[in-house]
Amino acid sequence: MTTHFRKRLQNGELVLGTILSLNSPDVAEILSQIGFDWLFIDAEHSTLDPHHLGTIFQAVGDAMPCVVRIPLLDEIVVKKTLDAGAAGLLAPQIHNAEQAEQLVRWGRYYPEGSRGLGFGRAQGYGLKVGEYLETANEDILLSVQAESAEAVKNIEAIVKVEGVDAVLVGPYDLSASMELPGQIDHPDVKAAIQHVAEVCKGAGMPIGIFGLSAEAVQPYIDNGFTFIVAGADTFLLGIAARQLLDQLRA
């Protein structure tokens, strides 16, 4: 299942995911059984480190692909995350084509990039190196977040970077960069998102977005967004607990 995720996205399929931010293999295993197409592992806005990622990947196994939002664009971070067994990466705060090119360079093996060869979980701890090398460049998803006014300005160049597989809009950070923090429904923010969408569609680049609820992302699905992240482990837990309590008190 996990090896075909990149191809599914490239083929224009709608893929639905949710965020895991808690350092909990148990929660990861539960979410992997729900029926989502992928799991968004947030290593940027959480305490998750490479060791935590490894245990989460082990808990999920082959049930679904885990795409990790790395904490920053850094070669060592890219290496460690992929060697731990990530099915793909989501690089935050990509503002220009040069940064997107760095992600591809560090995330792909020669001849498509310059990724170093390690013997981590992804390579069967050294027992399946040849097998992994045969498929890694084809299977691993490398995606970027467009979440700043600068990224919006440079989106035409970003989508032309060979090896970038998808763009995911970060509406909250985008609104903050536009001096409209949290105002994701502001006309200027929505216009910026629409501009990114039009450029991506024109280039045949899959585009996605994050929203806290189904209602938040549905208009974007209707608009052709296919790389979808809805909800988060902490938010889902809190909402469900609050609803239960409200029902009990009623």
C-alpha atoms as a PDB file:
ATOM      1  CA  MET A   1       0.000   0.000   0.000  1.00  0.00           C
ATOM      2  CA  THR A   2       2.634   2.525   1.029  1.00  0.00           C
ATOM      3  CA  THR A   3       4.799   2.131  -2.075  1.00  0.00           C
ATOM      4  CA  HIS A   4       2.077   3.424  -4.410  1.00  0.00           C
ATOM      5  CA  PHE A   5       1.175   6.599  -2.536  1.00  0.00           C
ATOM      6  CA  ARG A   6       3.299   8.922  -4.654  1.00  0.00           C
ATOM      7  CA  LYS A   7       1.883   7.417  -7.838  1.00  0.00           C
ATOM      8  CA  ARG A   8      -1.694   7.784  -6.584  1.00  0.00           C
ATOM      9  CA  LEU A   9      -1.131  11.481  -5.976  1.00  0.00           C
ATOM     10  CA  GLN A  10       0.531  11.942  -9.356  1.00  0.00           C
ATOM     11  CA  ASN A  11      -2.442  10.227 -10.990  1.00  0.00           C
ATOM     12  CA  GLY A  12      -4.788  12.827  -9.548  1.00  0.00           C
ATOM     13  CA  GLU A  13      -6.414  10.665  -6.883  1.00  0.00           C
ATOM     14  CA  LEU A  14      -7.927  12.314  -3.828  1.00  0.00           C
ATOM     15  CA  VAL A  15      -5.876  11.252  -0.795  1.00  0.00           C
ATOM     16  CA  LEU A  16      -7.217  12.030   2.665  1.00  0.00           C
ATOM     17  CA  GLY A  17      -5.008  12.261   5.724  1.00  0.00           C
ATOM     18  CA  THR A  18      -4.941  13.530   9.270  1.00  0.00           C
ATOM     19  CA  ILE A  19      -2.215  14.836  11.565  1.00  0.00           C
ATOM     20  CA  LEU A  20      -0.341  12.903  14.227  1.00  0.00           C
ATOM     21  CA  SER A  21       1.586  15.166  16.607  1.00  0.00           C
ATOM     22  CA  LEU A  22       1.580  13.142  19.822  1.00  0.00           C
ATOM     23  CA  ASN A  23       4.532  10.949  20.690  1.00  0.00           C
ATOM     24  CA  SER A  24       2.284   7.889  20.827  1.00  0.00           C
ATOM     25  CA  PRO A  25       2.693   4.746  18.722  1.00  0.00           C
ATOM     26  CA  ASP A  26      -0.672   3.643  20.110  1.00  0.00           C
ATOM     27  CA  VAL A  27      -2.460   6.677  18.690  1.00  0.00           C
ATOM     28  CA  ALA A  28      -0.602   6.207  15.407  1.00  0.00           C
ATOM     29  CA  GLU A  29      -1.722   2.582  15.242  1.00  0.00           C
ATOM     30  CA  ILE A  30      -5.339   3.547  15.956  1.00  0.00           C
ATOM     31  CA  LEU A  31      -5.352   6.219  13.241  1.00  0.00           C
ATOM     32  CA  SER A  32      -3.773   3.800  10.775  1.00  0.00           C
ATOM     33  CA  GLN A  33      -6.798   1.499  11.136  1.00  0.00           C
ATOM     34  CA  ILE A  34      -9.479   4.130  10.455  1.00  0.00           C
ATOM     35  CA  GLY A  35      -9.199   4.157   6.677  1.00  0.00           C
ATOM     36  CA  PHE A  36      -7.273   7.349   5.908  1.00  0.00           C
ATOM     37  CA  ASP A  37      -5.079   7.252   2.826  1.00  0.00           C
ATOM     38  CA  TRP A  38      -2.058   8.663   4.621  1.00  0.00           C
ATOM     39  CA  LEU A  39      -0.824   9.927   7.961  1.00  0.00           C
ATOM     40  CA  PHE A  40       0.698  13.402   8.311  1.00  0.00           C
ATOM     41  CA  ILE A  41       3.402  13.122  10.970  1.00  0.00           C
ATOM     42  CA  ASP A  42       4.115  16.592  12.320  1.00  0.00           C
ATOM     43  CA  ALA A  43       7.738  16.850  13.413  1.00  0.00           C
ATOM     44  CA  GLU A  44       7.703  20.650  13.054  1.00  0.00           C
ATOM     45  CA  HIS A  45       5.112  21.770  15.610  1.00  0.00           C
ATOM     46  CA  SER A  46       5.597  18.922  18.086  1.00  0.00           C
ATOM     47  CA  THR A  47       8.207  17.252  20.270  1.00  0.00           C
ATOM     48  CA  LEU A  48       8.688  14.321  17.878  1.00  0.00           C
ATOM     49  CA  ASP A  49      12.327  13.489  17.109  1.00  0.00           C
ATOM     50  CA  PRO A  50      13.855  10.818  14.792  1.00  0.00           C
ATOM     51  CA  HIS A  51      13.698   8.145  17.521  1.00  0.00           C
ATOM     52  CA  HIS A  52      10.006   8.823  18.078  1.00  0.00           C
ATOM     53  CA  LEU A  53       9.403   8.642  14.326  1.00  0.00           C
ATOM     54  CA  GLY A  54      10.954   5.186  14.174  1.00  0.00           C
ATOM     55  CA  THR A  55       8.617   3.776  16.809  1.00  0.00           C
ATOM     56  CA  ILE A  56       5.627   5.396  15.126  1.00  0.00           C
ATOM     57  CA  PHE A  57       6.572   3.868  11.767  1.00  0.00           C
ATOM     58  CA  GLN A  58       6.907   0.479  13.426  1.00  0.00           C
ATOM     59  CA  ALA A  59       3.457   0.820  14.976  1.00  0.00           C
ATOM     60  CA  VAL A  60       1.847   1.784  11.680  1.00  0.00           C
ATOM     61  CA  GLY A  61       3.766  -0.766   9.635  1.00  0.00           C
ATOM     62  CA  ASP A  62       2.417  -1.186   6.110  1.00  0.00           C
ATOM     63  CA  ALA A  63      -1.114  -0.112   7.038  1.00  0.00           C
ATOM     64  CA  MET A  64      -0.667   3.336   5.506  1.00  0.00           C
ATOM     65  CA  PRO A  65       2.062   5.702   4.274  1.00  0.00           C
ATOM     66  CA  CYS A  66       3.537   8.139   6.789  1.00  0.00           C
ATOM     67  CA  VAL A  67       4.541  11.514   5.363  1.00  0.00           C
ATOM     68  CA  VAL A  68       6.635  13.550   7.778  1.00  0.00           C
ATOM     69  CA  ARG A  69       6.597  17.314   7.989  1.00  0.00           C
ATOM     70  CA  ILE A  70      10.212  17.844   8.895  1.00  0.00           C
ATOM     71  CA  PRO A  71      11.102  20.607  11.375  1.00  0.00           C
ATOM     72  CA  LEU A  72      13.278  22.467   8.884  1.00  0.00           C
ATOM     73  CA  LEU A  73      14.988  22.053   5.539  1.00  0.00           C
ATOM     74  CA  ASP A  74      18.238  20.442   6.607  1.00  0.00           C
ATOM     75  CA  GLU A  75      20.262  17.651   4.988  1.00  0.00           C
ATOM     76  CA  ILE A  76      20.740  15.662   8.196  1.00  0.00           C
ATOM     77  CA  VAL A  77      17.052  15.930   9.062  1.00  0.00           C
ATOM     78  CA  VAL A  78      16.116  14.709   5.579  1.00  0.00           C
ATOM     79  CA  LYS A  79      18.534  11.767   5.827  1.00  0.00           C
ATOM     80  CA  LYS A  80      17.444  10.683   9.284  1.00  0.00           C
ATOM     81  CA  THR A  81      13.750  10.933   8.501  1.00  0.00           C
ATOM     82  CA  LEU A  82      13.935   8.945   5.277  1.00  0.00           C
ATOM     83  CA  ASP A  83      16.300   6.357   6.750  1.00  0.00           C
ATOM     84  CA  ALA A  84      13.845   5.857   9.610  1.00  0.00           C
ATOM     85  CA  GLY A  85      11.268   4.738   7.053  1.00  0.00           C
ATOM     86  CA  ALA A  86       9.159   7.740   6.035  1.00  0.00           C
ATOM     87  CA  ALA A  87       7.104   7.249   2.875  1.00  0.00           C
ATOM     88  CA  GLY A  88       7.585  10.907   2.091  1.00  0.00           C
ATOM     89  CA  LEU A  89       8.550  14.338   3.316  1.00  0.00           C
ATOM     90  CA  LEU A  90       6.728  17.627   3.571  1.00  0.00           C
ATOM     91  CA  ALA A  91       9.142  20.536   3.806  1.00  0.00           C
ATOM     92  CA  PRO A  92       7.746  23.587   5.629  1.00  0.00           C
ATOM     93  CA  GLN A  93       8.405  27.226   4.837  1.00  0.00           C
ATOM     94  CA  ILE A  94       9.578  26.724   1.263  1.00  0.00           C
ATOM     95  CA  HIS A  95       9.730  30.238  -0.086  1.00  0.00           C
ATOM     96  CA  ASN A  96      11.557  29.825  -3.400  1.00  0.00           C
ATOM     97  CA  ALA A  97      12.724  27.378  -6.054  1.00  0.00           C
ATOM     98  CA  GLU A  98      16.232  27.146  -4.616  1.00  0.00           C
ATOM     99  CA  GLN A  99      14.897  25.690  -1.379  1.00  0.00           C
ATOM    100  CA  ALA A 100      12.717  23.244  -3.304  1.00  0.00           C
ATOM    101  CA  GLU A 101      15.768  22.143  -5.284  1.00  0.00           C
ATOM    102  CA  GLN A 102      17.623  21.480  -2.037  1.00  0.00           C
ATOM    103  CA  LEU A 103      14.849  19.192  -0.838  1.00  0.00           C
ATOM    104  CA  VAL A 104      15.020  17.167  -4.037  1.00  0.00           C
ATOM    105  CA  ARG A 105      18.810  17.036  -3.948  1.00  0.00           C
ATOM    106  CA  TRP A 106      18.876  15.703  -0.401  1.00  0.00           C
ATOM    107  CA  GLY A 107      15.827  13.475  -0.768  1.00  0.00           C
ATOM    108  CA  ARG A 108      16.741  11.540  -3.915  1.00  0.00           C
ATOM    109  CA  TYR A 109      19.592   9.156  -4.633  1.00  0.00           C
ATOM    110  CA  TYR A 110      21.914   9.626  -7.620  1.00  0.00           C
ATOM    111  CA  PRO A 111      21.285  10.430 -10.451  1.00  0.00           C
ATOM    112  CA  GLU A 112      18.241  12.464  -9.344  1.00  0.00           C
ATOM    113  CA  GLY A 113      19.914  13.809  -6.218  1.00  0.00           C
ATOM    114  CA  SER A 114      22.774  13.365  -3.780  1.00  0.00           C
ATOM    115  CA  ARG A 115      21.134  11.555  -0.867  1.00  0.00           C
ATOM    116  CA  GLY A 116      23.648   9.682   1.267  1.00  0.00           C
ATOM    117  CA  LEU A 117      23.284   5.946   1.742  1.00  0.00           C
ATOM    118  CA  GLY A 118      22.563   4.792   5.278  1.00  0.00           C
ATOM    119  CA  PHE A 119      21.518   1.482   6.820  1.00  0.00           C
ATOM    120  CA  GLY A 120      18.406   2.400   8.768  1.00  0.00           C
ATOM    121  CA  ARG A 121      14.984   0.866   9.107  1.00  0.00           C
ATOM    122  CA  ALA A 122      14.096   1.915   5.552  1.00  0.00           C
ATOM    123  CA  GLN A 123      16.917  -0.230   4.195  1.00  0.00           C
ATOM    124  CA  GLY A 124      16.054  -3.205   6.391  1.00  0.00           C
ATOM    125  CA  TYR A 125      18.894  -2.188   8.712  1.00  0.00           C
ATOM    126  CA  GLY A 126      21.299  -3.042   5.908  1.00  0.00           C
ATOM    127  CA  LEU A 127      19.645  -6.302   4.852  1.00  0.00           C
ATOM    128  CA  LYS A 128      17.571  -4.839   1.996  1.00  0.00           C
ATOM    129  CA  VAL A 129      19.788  -2.057   0.667  1.00  0.00           C
ATOM    130  CA  GLY A 130      19.655  -3.165  -2.962  1.00  0.00           C
ATOM    131  CA  GLU A 131      15.895  -3.584  -2.911  1.00  0.00           C
ATOM    132  CA  TYR A 132      15.412  -0.163  -1.340  1.00  0.00           C
ATOM    133  CA  LEU A 133      17.746   1.558  -3.803  1.00  0.00           C
ATOM    134  CA  GLU A 134      15.781   0.139  -6.726  1.00  0.00           C
ATOM    135  CA  THR A 135      12.532   1.768  -5.661  1.00  0.00           C
ATOM    136  CA  ALA A 136      13.291   4.709  -3.322  1.00  0.00           C
ATOM    137  CA  ASN A 137      13.500   7.447  -5.958  1.00  0.00           C
ATOM    138  CA  GLU A 138      10.270   6.221  -7.522  1.00  0.00           C
ATOM    139  CA  ASP A 139       8.325   5.652  -4.302  1.00  0.00           C
ATOM    140  CA  ILE A 140       9.267   8.471  -1.936  1.00  0.00           C
ATOM    141  CA  LEU A 141       7.069  11.558  -2.015  1.00  0.00           C
ATOM    142  CA  LEU A 142       8.802  14.932  -1.775  1.00  0.00           C
ATOM    143  CA  SER A 143       6.323  17.737  -1.170  1.00  0.00           C
ATOM    144  CA  VAL A 144       6.601  21.361  -0.109  1.00  0.00           C
ATOM    145  CA  GLN A 145       4.456  23.757   1.864  1.00  0.00           C
ATOM    146  CA  ALA A 146       3.478  27.084   0.344  1.00  0.00           C
ATOM    147  CA  GLU A 147       2.737  29.071   3.465  1.00  0.00           C
ATOM    148  CA  SER A 148       4.164  32.541   3.008  1.00  0.00           C
ATOM    149  CA  ALA A 149       3.587  35.590   0.876  1.00  0.00           C
ATOM    150  CA  GLU A 150       7.026  34.994  -0.623  1.00  0.00           C
ATOM    151  CA  ALA A 151       6.079  31.441  -1.619  1.00  0.00           C
ATOM    152  CA  VAL A 152       2.942  32.768  -3.311  1.00  0.00           C
ATOM    153  CA  LYS A 153       5.066  35.251  -5.235  1.00  0.00           C
ATOM    154  CA  ASN A 154       7.500  32.529  -6.317  1.00  0.00           C
ATOM    155  CA  ILE A 155       5.042  29.680  -6.852  1.00  0.00           C
ATOM    156  CA  GLU A 156       5.534  29.610 -10.644  1.00  0.00           C
ATOM    157  CA  ALA A 157       9.229  28.815 -10.167  1.00  0.00           C
ATOM    158  CA  ILE A 158       8.636  26.375  -7.296  1.00  0.00           C
ATOM    159  CA  VAL A 159       6.279  24.144  -9.285  1.00  0.00           C
ATOM    160  CA  LYS A 160       8.816  23.924 -12.115  1.00  0.00           C
ATOM    161  CA  VAL A 161      11.412  22.237  -9.887  1.00  0.00           C
ATOM    162  CA  GLU A 162      11.823  18.705 -11.175  1.00  0.00           C
ATOM    163  CA  GLY A 163      11.312  16.175  -8.419  1.00  0.00           C
ATOM    164  CA  VAL A 164       8.818  18.171  -6.360  1.00  0.00           C
ATOM    165  CA  ASP A 165       5.712  15.989  -6.219  1.00  0.00           C
ATOM    166  CA  ALA A 166       3.078  18.165  -4.552  1.00  0.00           C
ATOM    167  CA  VAL A 167       2.373  21.520  -2.924  1.00  0.00           C
ATOM    168  CA  LEU A 168       0.412  21.805   0.306  1.00  0.00           C
ATOM    169  CA  VAL A 169      -0.919  25.196   1.323  1.00  0.00           C
ATOM    170  CA  GLY A 170      -0.526  26.165   4.962  1.00  0.00           C
ATOM    171  CA  PRO A 171      -3.354  28.676   5.371  1.00  0.00           C
ATOM    172  CA  TYR A 172      -2.577  29.707   8.950  1.00  0.00           C
ATOM    173  CA  ASP A 173       1.096  30.528   8.420  1.00  0.00           C
ATOM    174  CA  LEU A 174       0.192  32.135   5.110  1.00  0.00           C
ATOM    175  CA  SER A 175      -2.304  34.417   6.829  1.00  0.00           C
ATOM    176  CA  ALA A 176       0.322  35.358   9.429  1.00  0.00           C
ATOM    177  CA  SER A 177       2.888  36.200   6.744  1.00  0.00           C
ATOM    178  CA  MET A 178       0.306  38.466   5.148  1.00  0.00           C
ATOM    179  CA  GLU A 179      -0.155  40.281   8.479  1.00  0.00           C
ATOM    180  CA  LEU A 180      -3.592  38.715   8.858  1.00  0.00           C
ATOM    181  CA  PRO A 181      -2.836  36.055  11.487  1.00  0.00           C
ATOM    182  CA  GLY A 182      -5.562  33.442  11.732  1.00  0.00           C
ATOM    183  CA  GLN A 183      -7.804  35.183   9.208  1.00  0.00           C
ATOM    184  CA  ILE A 184      -7.780  32.310   6.743  1.00  0.00           C
ATOM    185  CA  ASP A 185     -11.122  33.414   5.241  1.00  0.00           C
ATOM    186  CA  HIS A 186      -9.920  36.956   4.566  1.00  0.00           C
ATOM    187  CA  PRO A 187     -10.368  37.822   0.863  1.00  0.00           C
ATOM    188  CA  ASP A 188      -6.632  38.507   0.428  1.00  0.00           C
ATOM    189  CA  VAL A 189      -5.666  35.163   1.935  1.00  0.00           C
ATOM    190  CA  LYS A 190      -8.233  33.313  -0.138  1.00  0.00           C
ATOM    191  CA  ALA A 191      -7.009  35.113  -3.258  1.00  0.00           C
ATOM    192  CA  ALA A 192      -3.435  34.056  -2.512  1.00  0.00           C
ATOM    193  CA  ILE A 193      -4.523  30.432  -2.071  1.00  0.00           C
ATOM    194  CA  GLN A 194      -6.470  30.583  -5.318  1.00  0.00           C
ATOM    195  CA  HIS A 195      -3.418  31.928  -7.133  1.00  0.00           C
ATOM    196  CA  VAL A 196      -1.327  29.001  -5.869  1.00  0.00           C
ATOM    197  CA  ALA A 197      -4.087  26.608  -6.938  1.00  0.00           C
ATOM    198  CA  GLU A 198      -4.286  28.032 -10.449  1.00  0.00           C
ATOM    199  CA  VAL A 199      -0.520  27.847 -10.933  1.00  0.00           C
ATOM    200  CA  CYS A 200      -0.343  24.284  -9.636  1.00  0.00           C
ATOM    201  CA  LYS A 201      -3.230  23.147 -11.820  1.00  0.00           C
ATOM    202  CA  GLY A 202      -1.645  24.784 -14.857  1.00  0.00           C
ATOM    203  CA  ALA A 203       1.591  22.909 -14.179  1.00  0.00           C
ATOM    204  CA  GLY A 204      -0.105  19.592 -13.435  1.00  0.00           C
ATOM    205  CA  MET A 205       1.152  19.770  -9.856  1.00  0.00           C
ATOM    206  CA  PRO A 206      -1.003  18.120  -7.163  1.00  0.00           C
ATOM    207  CA  ILE A 207      -2.105  20.668  -4.579  1.00  0.00           C
ATOM    208  CA  GLY A 208      -3.435  20.212  -1.082  1.00  0.00           C
ATOM    209  CA  ILE A 209      -4.429  22.079   2.033  1.00  0.00           C
ATOM    210  CA  PHE A 210      -4.914  21.638   5.764  1.00  0.00           C
ATOM    211  CA  GLY A 211      -8.151  22.275   7.612  1.00  0.00           C
ATOM    212  CA  LEU A 212      -9.381  21.419  11.078  1.00  0.00           C
ATOM    213  CA  SER A 213     -12.632  19.876   9.843  1.00  0.00           C
ATOM    214  CA  ALA A 214     -14.317  18.267   6.851  1.00  0.00           C
ATOM    215  CA  GLU A 215     -16.291  21.476   6.377  1.00  0.00           C
ATOM    216  CA  ALA A 216     -13.067  23.486   6.188  1.00  0.00           C
ATOM    217  CA  VAL A 217     -11.485  21.395   3.430  1.00  0.00           C
ATOM    218  CA  GLN A 218     -14.580  20.470   1.399  1.00  0.00           C
ATOM    219  CA  PRO A 219     -14.617  23.697  -0.674  1.00  0.00           C
ATOM    220  CA  TYR A 220     -11.018  23.027  -1.656  1.00  0.00           C
ATOM    221  CA  ILE A 221     -11.767  19.421  -2.593  1.00  0.00           C
ATOM    222  CA  ASP A 222     -14.559  20.788  -4.789  1.00  0.00           C
ATOM    223  CA  ASN A 223     -11.956  23.108  -6.321  1.00  0.00           C
ATOM    224  CA  GLY A 224      -9.652  20.256  -7.328  1.00  0.00           C
ATOM    225  CA  PHE A 225      -7.355  20.016  -4.294  1.00  0.00           C
ATOM    226  CA  THR A 226      -6.351  16.359  -3.847  1.00  0.00           C
ATOM    227  CA  PHE A 227      -3.621  16.333  -1.148  1.00  0.00           C
ATOM    228  CA  ILE A 228      -5.869  16.804   1.871  1.00  0.00           C
ATOM    229  CA  VAL A 229      -5.128  16.968   5.601  1.00  0.00           C
ATOM    230  CA  ALA A 230      -8.098  17.295   7.950  1.00  0.00           C
ATOM    231  CA  GLY A 231      -8.024  17.389  11.723  1.00  0.00           C
ATOM    232  CA  ALA A 232      -5.282  16.431  14.150  1.00  0.00           C
ATOM    233  CA  ASP A 233      -4.930  13.861  16.911  1.00  0.00           C
ATOM    234  CA  THR A 234      -5.073  16.411  19.725  1.00  0.00           C
ATOM    235  CA  PHE A 235      -7.974  18.303  18.181  1.00  0.00           C
ATOM    236  CA  LEU A 236      -9.966  15.147  17.466  1.00  0.00           C
ATOM    237  CA  LEU A 237      -9.438  13.880  21.007  1.00  0.00           C
ATOM    238  CA  GLY A 238     -10.468  17.194  22.542  1.00  0.00           C
ATOM    239  CA  ILE A 239     -13.549  17.613  20.361  1.00  0.00           C
ATOM    240  CA  ALA A 240     -14.756  14.049  20.983  1.00  0.00           C
ATOM    241  CA  ALA A 241     -14.263  14.393  24.738  1.00  0.00           C
ATOM    242  CA  ARG A 242     -16.082  17.727  24.815  1.00  0.00           C
ATOM    243  CA  GLN A 243     -19.000  16.343  22.805  1.00  0.00           C
ATOM    244  CA  LEU A 244     -19.264  13.356  25.138  1.00  0.00           C
ATOM    245  CA  LEU A 245     -19.261  15.580  28.194  1.00  0.00           C
ATOM    246  CA  ASP A 246     -21.859  17.921  26.682  1.00  0.00           C
ATOM    247  CA  GLN A 247     -24.118  14.928  25.958  1.00  0.00           C
ATOM    248  CA  LEU A 248     -23.725  13.582  29.479  1.00  0.00           C
ATOM    249  CA  ARG A 249     -24.557  16.935  31.044  1.00  0.00           C
ATOM    250  CA  ALA A 250     -27.541  17.402  28.763  1.00  0.00           C
END
